[in-house]
Amino acid sequence: MTTTMRPNTSSLNEKAIASACTFSGISLIVIGMIAVAATFLFTVISMMVLAALMIAAGISEFVHAFRTRGTGKILLTVLSGILYLATGMMVLWNPVLGALSLTMLISIFLVAAGAIRCVKAAQLARAKSREWGWILFGGIVDILLGAIIFYGWPISGLWVPAVFVGVDMILNGVALLAMSSVIGENAPTVTTAAV
């Protein structure tokens, strides 16, 4: 006679989490690939979502300012709200211009971050640290990416935001799939015992 042992609730929870991670991971990878393939459309959509979030943040700042009137910081909060609202409205009105501006900021950021990494790598090399080469490599890659984006501007503004968001989604999807497989491996299996 064989009896089937009931799986405990923790193994069911782990399987549910693993399934959710697998579904989310595959979804993110597919959406990320679509974002990379349809860069212009996805850039415009992502700029419009960013604009909507900025407008919501501006409204939130106004609500916060008028709820905390007695603190004496109302002016700064109102100014912050105006900045959010104005920027969000400008990006919503012209998402392509918003994408171009964001791309220029990304280019400047990459060059600056790369330069900082190169300086840090030089300091680590003087201290005879082993990881200086990888940090230098990362810094050089950042500078090259920033330069490519800068010299390709304004055309690069039509694809850079979508590619960055798309690649981020793909990497997060891969991470979720990896997490799903780890959870699935660690979940206890249901066994049958012969009596």
Protein backbone atom coordinates (compact mmCIF):
# COMPACT_ATOMS: atom_id res chain seq x y z
CA MET A 1 0.00 0.00 0.00
CA THR A 2 1.29 3.42 -0.92
CA THR A 3 0.48 6.65 0.82
CA THR A 4 1.05 10.07 -0.63
CA MET A 5 2.50 12.61 1.73
CA ARG A 6 0.81 16.00 1.59
CA PRO A 7 3.15 18.80 0.62
CA ASN A 8 3.64 21.31 3.38
CA THR A 9 2.45 24.87 2.87
CA SER A 10 5.98 26.26 2.64
CA SER A 11 6.74 24.12 -0.43
CA LEU A 12 3.49 25.28 -2.05
CA ASN A 13 4.41 28.90 -1.30
CA GLU A 14 7.88 28.43 -2.77
CA LYS A 15 6.42 26.87 -5.92
CA ALA A 16 3.95 29.77 -6.25
CA ILE A 17 6.79 32.28 -5.82
CA ALA A 18 8.91 30.41 -8.37
CA SER A 19 6.02 30.41 -10.86
CA ALA A 20 5.41 34.13 -10.32
CA CYS A 21 9.13 34.87 -10.82
CA THR A 22 9.17 32.80 -14.02
CA PHE A 23 6.10 34.58 -15.41
CA SER A 24 7.44 38.03 -14.47
CA GLY A 25 10.89 37.21 -15.83
CA ILE A 26 9.60 36.02 -19.21
CA SER A 27 7.23 39.02 -19.43
CA LEU A 28 10.05 41.49 -18.70
CA ILE A 29 12.33 39.87 -21.26
CA VAL A 30 9.62 40.01 -23.96
CA ILE A 31 8.68 43.63 -23.17
CA GLY A 32 12.38 44.59 -23.05
CA MET A 33 12.96 43.04 -26.47
CA ILE A 34 9.96 44.93 -27.86
CA ALA A 35 11.37 48.13 -26.33
CA VAL A 36 14.74 47.59 -27.98
CA ALA A 37 13.14 46.64 -31.33
CA ALA A 38 10.66 49.55 -31.44
CA THR A 39 12.97 52.17 -29.93
CA PHE A 40 11.33 55.36 -31.18
CA LEU A 41 7.81 54.36 -30.15
CA PHE A 42 8.98 53.08 -26.78
CA THR A 43 11.06 56.23 -26.20
CA VAL A 44 7.99 58.42 -26.75
CA ILE A 45 5.84 56.18 -24.52
CA SER A 46 8.45 56.13 -21.74
CA MET A 47 8.75 59.93 -21.90
CA MET A 48 4.97 60.29 -21.60
CA VAL A 49 4.93 57.96 -18.58
CA LEU A 50 7.80 59.95 -17.05
CA ALA A 51 5.87 63.18 -17.68
CA ALA A 52 2.75 61.76 -16.01
CA LEU A 53 4.81 60.70 -12.98
CA MET A 54 6.36 64.18 -12.73
CA ILE A 55 2.93 65.82 -12.90
CA ALA A 56 1.69 63.45 -10.17
CA ALA A 57 4.76 64.34 -8.07
CA GLY A 58 4.04 68.05 -8.56
CA ILE A 59 0.44 67.62 -7.40
CA SER A 60 1.70 65.63 -4.43
CA GLU A 61 4.09 68.46 -3.53
CA PHE A 62 1.23 70.98 -3.61
CA VAL A 63 -0.93 68.76 -1.37
CA HIS A 64 2.00 68.38 1.02
CA ALA A 65 2.67 72.14 1.02
CA PHE A 66 -0.88 73.05 1.95
CA ARG A 67 -1.19 70.33 4.58
CA THR A 68 1.95 71.52 6.38
CA ARG A 69 1.35 75.28 6.16
CA GLY A 70 2.57 76.05 9.66
CA THR A 71 6.09 74.65 9.24
CA GLY A 72 7.53 77.66 7.37
CA LYS A 73 8.80 75.52 4.47
CA ILE A 74 5.75 76.04 2.28
CA LEU A 75 7.56 78.22 -0.27
CA LEU A 76 10.23 75.61 -1.07
CA THR A 77 7.63 72.86 -1.32
CA VAL A 78 5.45 74.96 -3.65
CA LEU A 79 8.51 75.80 -5.80
CA SER A 80 9.37 72.10 -5.98
CA GLY A 81 5.79 71.33 -7.02
CA ILE A 82 5.90 74.03 -9.72
CA LEU A 83 9.19 72.61 -11.04
CA TYR A 84 7.75 69.08 -11.23
CA LEU A 85 4.54 70.28 -12.88
CA ALA A 86 6.28 72.56 -15.39
CA THR A 87 8.83 69.91 -16.40
CA GLY A 88 6.17 67.20 -16.63
CA MET A 89 3.92 69.41 -18.78
CA MET A 90 6.83 70.30 -21.10
CA VAL A 91 7.81 66.64 -21.55
CA LEU A 92 4.14 65.67 -22.08
CA TRP A 93 3.73 68.48 -24.62
CA ASN A 94 6.87 67.43 -26.55
CA PRO A 95 8.09 63.93 -25.55
CA VAL A 96 10.73 63.91 -28.30
CA LEU A 97 12.35 67.07 -26.91
CA GLY A 98 12.21 65.46 -23.45
CA ALA A 99 13.97 62.36 -24.82
CA LEU A 100 16.65 64.53 -26.44
CA SER A 101 17.27 66.40 -23.18
CA LEU A 102 17.38 63.18 -21.17
CA THR A 103 19.80 61.65 -23.65
CA MET A 104 22.17 64.61 -23.33
CA LEU A 105 22.06 64.24 -19.52
CA ILE A 106 22.77 60.51 -19.82
CA SER A 107 25.76 61.28 -22.07
CA ILE A 108 27.18 63.82 -19.61
CA PHE A 109 26.56 61.45 -16.69
CA LEU A 110 28.35 58.55 -18.41
CA VAL A 111 31.42 60.64 -19.25
CA ALA A 112 31.59 62.07 -15.70
CA ALA A 113 31.05 58.66 -14.07
CA GLY A 114 33.68 57.12 -16.35
CA ALA A 115 36.21 59.81 -15.47
CA ILE A 116 35.57 59.27 -11.76
CA ARG A 117 36.07 55.51 -12.19
CA CYS A 118 39.34 56.07 -14.04
CA VAL A 119 40.64 58.29 -11.22
CA LYS A 120 39.55 55.67 -8.67
CA ALA A 121 41.31 52.96 -10.71
CA ALA A 122 44.52 55.01 -10.71
CA GLN A 123 44.32 55.37 -6.91
CA LEU A 124 43.74 51.63 -6.52
CA ALA A 125 46.64 50.86 -8.87
CA ARG A 126 48.97 52.99 -6.70
CA ALA A 127 47.70 51.10 -3.65
CA LYS A 128 48.49 47.84 -5.52
CA SER A 129 44.86 46.67 -5.37
CA ARG A 130 43.96 43.83 -7.73
CA GLU A 131 40.61 45.15 -8.95
CA TRP A 132 41.93 48.41 -10.44
CA GLY A 133 41.97 46.96 -13.97
CA TRP A 134 38.26 46.13 -13.96
CA ILE A 135 37.36 49.55 -12.58
CA LEU A 136 39.51 51.22 -15.25
CA PHE A 137 37.84 49.07 -17.92
CA GLY A 138 34.39 50.09 -16.64
CA GLY A 139 35.41 53.75 -16.63
CA ILE A 140 36.70 53.59 -20.20
CA VAL A 141 33.50 51.86 -21.36
CA ASP A 142 31.40 54.57 -19.66
CA ILE A 143 33.40 57.34 -21.33
CA LEU A 144 33.15 55.66 -24.75
CA LEU A 145 29.37 55.13 -24.38
CA GLY A 146 28.91 58.75 -23.31
CA ALA A 147 31.00 59.97 -26.26
CA ILE A 148 29.08 57.79 -28.75
CA ILE A 149 25.75 59.10 -27.42
CA PHE A 150 27.04 62.71 -27.44
CA TYR A 151 28.41 62.58 -31.00
CA GLY A 152 25.26 60.82 -32.22
CA TRP A 153 22.99 63.46 -30.65
CA PRO A 154 20.23 64.44 -31.52
CA ILE A 155 19.53 61.17 -33.39
CA SER A 156 20.73 59.15 -30.39
CA GLY A 157 17.98 60.81 -28.35
CA LEU A 158 15.41 58.82 -30.30
CA TRP A 159 16.81 55.42 -29.31
CA VAL A 160 18.93 55.74 -26.15
CA PRO A 161 16.12 55.97 -23.54
CA ALA A 162 14.28 52.98 -25.02
CA VAL A 163 17.43 50.87 -25.30
CA PHE A 164 18.43 51.67 -21.71
CA VAL A 165 14.95 50.84 -20.38
CA GLY A 166 14.70 47.75 -22.62
CA VAL A 167 18.09 46.36 -21.60
CA ASP A 168 17.24 47.03 -17.94
CA MET A 169 13.98 45.08 -18.35
CA ILE A 170 15.77 42.17 -20.05
CA LEU A 171 18.41 42.00 -17.29
CA ASN A 172 15.74 42.13 -14.58
CA GLY A 173 13.82 39.39 -16.39
CA VAL A 174 16.91 37.18 -16.54
CA ALA A 175 17.51 37.82 -12.81
CA LEU A 176 13.91 36.82 -12.01
CA LEU A 177 14.27 33.62 -14.05
CA ALA A 178 17.49 32.81 -12.20
CA MET A 179 15.74 33.47 -8.88
CA SER A 180 12.86 31.24 -9.97
CA SER A 181 15.20 28.35 -10.75
CA VAL A 182 16.97 28.72 -7.39
CA ILE A 183 13.65 28.77 -5.51
CA GLY A 184 12.44 25.77 -7.55
CA GLU A 185 15.60 23.79 -6.73
CA ASN A 186 15.31 24.51 -3.01
CA ALA A 187 11.59 23.67 -2.77
CA PRO A 188 10.96 20.32 -1.07
CA THR A 189 9.54 17.71 -3.39
CA VAL A 190 6.44 15.65 -2.74
CA THR A 191 7.40 12.02 -2.14
CA THR A 192 5.47 8.81 -1.90
CA ALA A 193 6.28 6.17 0.65
CA ALA A 194 5.49 2.48 0.43
CA VAL A 195 3.98 0.92 3.53
